[in-house]
C-alpha cells in the first residue's frame, strides 16, 4: 500500500486543524502553530499549505458567515477529511516505529 506523503510543516498544519476542530481558520491556525511550536510562521505560508493540503484531499473548507469584527469579511473554515485522518495516523505510526527502534544507548545519550 502506498502511503500519502506529508511534509513536516504539512503535518503540523494538518494536526493543528484537527486540534482546533470547528474553529480552524487561517489566522487561528497560524496563531496556534506559533503558540504550540514557538516558531514564527507567516500567514501566507500557512495559507499556501492549507491550499496544498486541500488539493491533496486531506482538508476540505467552507466559508463561514460575515462578521463585524472582520469588517464584514468571511472566514474560510477547514476540516480534516477521512484521507487526512488516515495520513496523520500513518505518519504517527511511522514516527512511533522509528522511536521504538532506537537502541537503548542512543536513548540514554538523548536523556531518555
N, C-alpha and C. Protein backbone atom coordinates (compact mmCIF):
# COMPACT_ATOMS: atom_id res chain seq x y z
N UNK A 1 0.84 -1.18 0.00
CA UNK A 1 0.00 0.00 0.00
C UNK A 1 0.88 1.24 0.00
N UNK A 2 0.60 2.15 -0.90
CA UNK A 2 1.37 3.38 -1.00
C UNK A 2 0.88 4.38 0.04
N UNK A 3 1.83 4.96 0.76
CA UNK A 3 1.49 5.95 1.78
C UNK A 3 1.43 7.34 1.16
N UNK A 4 0.57 8.15 1.74
CA UNK A 4 0.49 9.54 1.32
C UNK A 4 1.66 10.29 1.93
N UNK A 5 2.32 11.12 1.14
CA UNK A 5 3.45 11.87 1.65
C UNK A 5 2.97 13.15 2.31
N UNK A 6 3.46 13.39 3.51
CA UNK A 6 3.19 14.62 4.24
C UNK A 6 4.52 15.22 4.65
N UNK A 7 4.76 16.47 4.25
CA UNK A 7 5.96 17.16 4.71
C UNK A 7 5.79 17.53 6.18
N UNK A 8 6.90 17.89 6.82
CA UNK A 8 6.87 18.22 8.25
C UNK A 8 5.91 19.36 8.54
N UNK A 9 5.97 20.44 7.75
CA UNK A 9 5.08 21.57 8.01
C UNK A 9 3.63 21.23 7.67
N UNK A 10 3.44 20.42 6.63
CA UNK A 10 2.09 19.97 6.31
C UNK A 10 1.50 19.19 7.47
N UNK A 11 2.32 18.35 8.09
CA UNK A 11 1.87 17.57 9.25
C UNK A 11 1.46 18.50 10.38
N UNK A 12 2.27 19.52 10.65
CA UNK A 12 1.96 20.47 11.73
C UNK A 12 0.64 21.20 11.44
N UNK A 13 0.46 21.64 10.21
CA UNK A 13 -0.77 22.36 9.85
C UNK A 13 -1.98 21.43 9.94
N UNK A 14 -1.85 20.22 9.41
CA UNK A 14 -2.96 19.26 9.44
C UNK A 14 -3.33 18.91 10.89
N UNK A 15 -2.32 18.69 11.73
CA UNK A 15 -2.59 18.41 13.14
C UNK A 15 -3.27 19.58 13.82
N UNK A 16 -2.83 20.79 13.49
CA UNK A 16 -3.41 21.98 14.11
C UNK A 16 -4.87 22.14 13.70
N UNK A 17 -5.18 21.87 12.46
CA UNK A 17 -6.59 21.93 12.03
C UNK A 17 -7.40 20.90 12.83
N UNK A 18 -6.84 19.72 13.02
CA UNK A 18 -7.55 18.68 13.79
C UNK A 18 -7.74 19.13 15.24
N UNK A 19 -6.73 19.77 15.82
CA UNK A 19 -6.82 20.22 17.21
C UNK A 19 -7.88 21.31 17.36
N UNK A 20 -7.90 22.25 16.42
CA UNK A 20 -8.84 23.37 16.51
C UNK A 20 -10.27 22.97 16.15
N UNK A 21 -10.40 21.83 15.48
CA UNK A 21 -11.70 21.27 15.11
C UNK A 21 -12.55 22.30 14.36
N UNK A 22 -13.70 22.67 14.87
CA UNK A 22 -14.61 23.55 14.13
C UNK A 22 -14.14 25.01 14.09
N UNK A 23 -13.15 25.36 14.88
CA UNK A 23 -12.65 26.73 14.92
C UNK A 23 -11.40 26.95 14.07
N UNK A 24 -11.13 26.06 13.10
CA UNK A 24 -9.90 26.14 12.32
C UNK A 24 -10.06 27.04 11.11
N UNK A 25 -9.51 28.23 11.18
CA UNK A 25 -9.42 29.13 10.03
C UNK A 25 -8.03 29.74 10.01
N UNK A 26 -7.65 30.36 8.92
CA UNK A 26 -6.27 30.78 8.66
C UNK A 26 -5.55 31.46 9.81
N UNK A 27 -6.09 32.55 10.30
CA UNK A 27 -5.41 33.31 11.35
C UNK A 27 -5.29 32.48 12.62
N UNK A 28 -6.37 31.81 12.97
CA UNK A 28 -6.38 30.99 14.18
C UNK A 28 -5.36 29.85 14.09
N UNK A 29 -5.26 29.24 12.93
CA UNK A 29 -4.30 28.15 12.71
C UNK A 29 -2.88 28.69 12.85
N UNK A 30 -2.61 29.84 12.23
CA UNK A 30 -1.28 30.46 12.30
C UNK A 30 -0.89 30.75 13.75
N UNK A 31 -1.80 31.36 14.50
CA UNK A 31 -1.52 31.69 15.91
C UNK A 31 -1.29 30.44 16.74
N UNK A 32 -2.08 29.40 16.51
CA UNK A 32 -1.95 28.16 17.27
C UNK A 32 -0.59 27.50 17.00
N UNK A 33 -0.18 27.51 15.74
CA UNK A 33 1.12 26.92 15.39
C UNK A 33 2.24 27.69 16.09
N UNK A 34 2.17 29.01 16.06
CA UNK A 34 3.20 29.82 16.70
C UNK A 34 3.23 29.57 18.20
N UNK A 35 2.07 29.47 18.81
CA UNK A 35 1.98 29.24 20.25
C UNK A 35 2.51 27.86 20.63
N UNK A 36 2.13 26.84 19.88
CA UNK A 36 2.50 25.46 20.24
C UNK A 36 3.94 25.12 19.88
N UNK A 37 4.45 25.68 18.78
CA UNK A 37 5.80 25.31 18.35
C UNK A 37 6.86 26.31 18.76
N UNK A 38 6.43 27.53 19.09
CA UNK A 38 7.38 28.57 19.44
C UNK A 38 8.14 29.13 18.26
N UNK A 39 7.68 28.82 17.07
CA UNK A 39 8.35 29.35 15.88
C UNK A 39 7.41 30.30 15.14
N UNK A 40 8.01 31.31 14.57
CA UNK A 40 7.24 32.29 13.84
C UNK A 40 6.92 31.76 12.45
N UNK A 41 5.66 31.81 12.08
CA UNK A 41 5.26 31.36 10.73
C UNK A 41 4.42 32.46 10.10
N UNK A 42 4.60 32.64 8.84
CA UNK A 42 3.83 33.65 8.12
C UNK A 42 2.45 33.14 7.73
N UNK A 43 1.49 34.05 7.74
CA UNK A 43 0.14 33.67 7.36
C UNK A 43 0.12 33.12 5.93
N UNK A 44 0.91 33.73 5.04
CA UNK A 44 0.90 33.27 3.64
C UNK A 44 1.44 31.85 3.52
N UNK A 45 2.41 31.51 4.35
CA UNK A 45 2.96 30.14 4.34
C UNK A 45 1.89 29.15 4.79
N UNK A 46 1.16 29.51 5.84
CA UNK A 46 0.09 28.64 6.32
C UNK A 46 -1.01 28.54 5.26
N UNK A 47 -1.36 29.68 4.66
CA UNK A 47 -2.42 29.69 3.65
C UNK A 47 -2.05 28.79 2.46
N UNK A 48 -0.80 28.90 1.99
CA UNK A 48 -0.35 28.06 0.88
C UNK A 48 -0.40 26.58 1.25
N UNK A 49 -0.01 26.28 2.47
CA UNK A 49 -0.02 24.88 2.93
C UNK A 49 -1.45 24.36 3.04
N UNK A 50 -2.36 25.20 3.52
CA UNK A 50 -3.76 24.80 3.61
C UNK A 50 -4.31 24.48 2.21
N UNK A 51 -3.96 25.32 1.23
CA UNK A 51 -4.43 25.07 -0.14
C UNK A 51 -3.87 23.75 -0.67
N UNK A 52 -2.56 23.52 -0.42
CA UNK A 52 -1.93 22.29 -0.90
C UNK A 52 -2.57 21.06 -0.25
N UNK A 53 -2.85 21.15 1.06
CA UNK A 53 -3.47 20.01 1.75
C UNK A 53 -4.90 19.78 1.24
N UNK A 54 -5.57 20.85 0.87
CA UNK A 54 -6.91 20.70 0.30
C UNK A 54 -6.82 20.06 -1.08
N UNK A 55 -5.83 20.45 -1.88
CA UNK A 55 -5.64 19.84 -3.20
C UNK A 55 -5.32 18.35 -3.09
N UNK A 56 -4.60 17.98 -2.03
CA UNK A 56 -4.26 16.58 -1.81
C UNK A 56 -5.44 15.78 -1.26
N UNK A 57 -6.50 16.47 -0.90
CA UNK A 57 -7.69 15.79 -0.38
C UNK A 57 -7.64 15.54 1.11
N UNK A 58 -6.67 16.17 1.83
CA UNK A 58 -6.54 15.96 3.27
C UNK A 58 -7.39 16.94 4.07
N UNK A 59 -7.80 18.02 3.43
CA UNK A 59 -8.65 19.02 4.07
C UNK A 59 -9.80 19.38 3.15
N UNK A 60 -10.88 19.82 3.75
CA UNK A 60 -11.96 20.45 3.00
C UNK A 60 -12.21 21.80 3.67
N UNK A 61 -12.85 22.71 2.96
CA UNK A 61 -13.10 24.02 3.53
C UNK A 61 -14.47 24.53 3.14
N UNK A 62 -14.94 25.44 3.95
CA UNK A 62 -16.20 26.11 3.63
C UNK A 62 -16.16 27.51 4.22
N UNK A 63 -16.86 28.42 3.58
CA UNK A 63 -16.90 29.80 4.04
C UNK A 63 -17.90 29.94 5.18
N UNK A 64 -17.49 30.68 6.21
CA UNK A 64 -18.38 30.99 7.32
C UNK A 64 -19.12 32.29 7.02
N UNK A 65 -19.91 32.72 7.97
CA UNK A 65 -20.66 33.96 7.80
C UNK A 65 -19.79 35.18 8.01
N UNK A 66 -20.22 36.30 7.48
CA UNK A 66 -19.50 37.56 7.65
C UNK A 66 -19.63 38.03 9.09
N UNK A 67 -18.54 38.62 9.61
CA UNK A 67 -18.58 39.13 10.99
C UNK A 67 -18.17 40.60 11.00
N UNK A 68 -18.72 41.34 11.95
CA UNK A 68 -18.38 42.76 12.09
C UNK A 68 -16.92 42.92 12.50
N UNK A 69 -16.41 41.99 13.32
CA UNK A 69 -15.03 42.08 13.79
C UNK A 69 -14.04 42.05 12.64
N UNK A 70 -14.41 41.44 11.53
CA UNK A 70 -13.54 41.36 10.35
C UNK A 70 -14.00 42.32 9.25
N UNK A 71 -14.76 43.32 9.62
CA UNK A 71 -15.22 44.30 8.64
C UNK A 71 -16.15 43.71 7.60
N UNK A 72 -16.90 42.71 8.00
CA UNK A 72 -17.85 42.10 7.09
C UNK A 72 -17.26 40.99 6.23
N UNK A 73 -15.96 40.74 6.39
CA UNK A 73 -15.35 39.65 5.60
C UNK A 73 -15.67 38.30 6.23
N UNK A 74 -15.68 37.30 5.40
CA UNK A 74 -15.99 35.95 5.87
C UNK A 74 -14.70 35.16 6.13
N UNK A 75 -14.79 34.18 7.00
CA UNK A 75 -13.66 33.30 7.29
C UNK A 75 -13.85 31.99 6.53
N UNK A 76 -12.73 31.40 6.10
CA UNK A 76 -12.77 30.06 5.48
C UNK A 76 -12.36 29.06 6.56
N UNK A 77 -13.26 28.17 6.90
CA UNK A 77 -13.01 27.17 7.93
C UNK A 77 -12.57 25.85 7.29
N UNK A 78 -11.59 25.21 7.92
CA UNK A 78 -11.02 23.97 7.39
C UNK A 78 -11.36 22.78 8.28
N UNK A 79 -11.56 21.64 7.63
CA UNK A 79 -11.88 20.39 8.32
C UNK A 79 -11.00 19.28 7.76
N UNK A 80 -10.51 18.42 8.64
CA UNK A 80 -9.70 17.29 8.21
C UNK A 80 -10.64 16.23 7.60
N UNK A 81 -10.30 15.76 6.41
CA UNK A 81 -11.10 14.73 5.73
C UNK A 81 -10.69 13.34 6.23
N UNK A 82 -11.39 12.32 5.77
CA UNK A 82 -11.03 10.94 6.12
C UNK A 82 -9.63 10.62 5.61
N UNK A 83 -9.29 11.09 4.42
CA UNK A 83 -7.94 10.87 3.88
C UNK A 83 -6.90 11.59 4.73
N UNK A 84 -7.23 12.76 5.25
CA UNK A 84 -6.32 13.50 6.12
C UNK A 84 -6.10 12.77 7.44
N UNK A 85 -7.17 12.24 8.01
CA UNK A 85 -7.04 11.48 9.26
C UNK A 85 -6.17 10.24 9.04
N UNK A 86 -6.37 9.59 7.91
CA UNK A 86 -5.58 8.39 7.60
C UNK A 86 -4.10 8.76 7.44
N UNK A 87 -3.82 9.87 6.75
CA UNK A 87 -2.44 10.31 6.57
C UNK A 87 -1.78 10.61 7.92
N UNK A 88 -2.53 11.27 8.82
CA UNK A 88 -1.99 11.56 10.15
C UNK A 88 -1.71 10.27 10.92
N UNK A 89 -2.61 9.31 10.82
CA UNK A 89 -2.39 8.04 11.53
C UNK A 89 -1.16 7.32 10.99
N UNK A 90 -0.96 7.38 9.67
CA UNK A 90 0.21 6.73 9.07
C UNK A 90 1.50 7.40 9.53
N UNK A 91 1.51 8.73 9.55
CA UNK A 91 2.69 9.46 9.99
C UNK A 91 3.00 9.14 11.45
N UNK A 92 1.96 9.10 12.28
CA UNK A 92 2.14 8.79 13.70
C UNK A 92 2.74 7.39 13.86
N UNK A 93 2.22 6.43 13.09
CA UNK A 93 2.70 5.06 13.18
C UNK A 93 4.18 4.97 12.79
N UNK A 94 4.55 5.64 11.71
CA UNK A 94 5.95 5.61 11.26
C UNK A 94 6.86 6.22 12.33
N UNK A 95 6.44 7.35 12.89
CA UNK A 95 7.26 8.00 13.94
C UNK A 95 7.39 7.11 15.16
N UNK A 96 6.30 6.49 15.59
CA UNK A 96 6.35 5.60 16.76
C UNK A 96 7.26 4.41 16.50
N UNK A 97 7.21 3.86 15.26
CA UNK A 97 8.07 2.73 14.92
C UNK A 97 9.54 3.15 14.96
N UNK A 98 9.84 4.33 14.44
CA UNK A 98 11.23 4.80 14.43
C UNK A 98 11.71 5.07 15.85
N UNK A 99 10.89 5.73 16.67
CA UNK A 99 11.28 5.98 18.07
C UNK A 99 11.45 4.68 18.83
N UNK A 100 10.58 3.71 18.55
CA UNK A 100 10.66 2.41 19.23
C UNK A 100 11.86 1.60 18.82
N UNK A 101 12.43 1.89 17.65
CA UNK A 101 13.58 1.15 17.14
C UNK A 101 14.91 1.73 17.60
N UNK A 102 14.88 2.87 18.29
CA UNK A 102 16.13 3.46 18.75
C UNK A 102 16.82 2.54 19.75
N UNK A 103 18.12 2.31 19.57
CA UNK A 103 18.87 1.50 20.54
C UNK A 103 18.89 2.19 21.90
N UNK A 104 18.89 1.41 22.99
CA UNK A 104 18.87 1.99 24.35
C UNK A 104 20.00 2.99 24.59
N UNK A 105 21.20 2.69 24.06
CA UNK A 105 22.32 3.61 24.29
C UNK A 105 22.07 4.96 23.62
N UNK A 106 21.38 4.98 22.53
CA UNK A 106 21.05 6.24 21.87
C UNK A 106 20.04 7.01 22.70
N UNK A 107 19.06 6.30 23.26
CA UNK A 107 18.07 6.96 24.13
C UNK A 107 18.75 7.58 25.35
N UNK A 108 19.74 6.87 25.93
CA UNK A 108 20.44 7.40 27.09
C UNK A 108 21.19 8.68 26.73
N UNK A 109 21.80 8.70 25.56
CA UNK A 109 22.52 9.90 25.13
C UNK A 109 21.57 11.08 24.94
N UNK A 110 20.32 10.76 24.61
CA UNK A 110 19.33 11.81 24.40
C UNK A 110 18.65 12.20 25.71
N UNK A 111 19.02 11.55 26.81
CA UNK A 111 18.41 11.86 28.10
C UNK A 111 17.11 11.14 28.34
N UNK A 112 16.82 10.11 27.54
CA UNK A 112 15.55 9.38 27.68
C UNK A 112 15.65 8.12 28.47
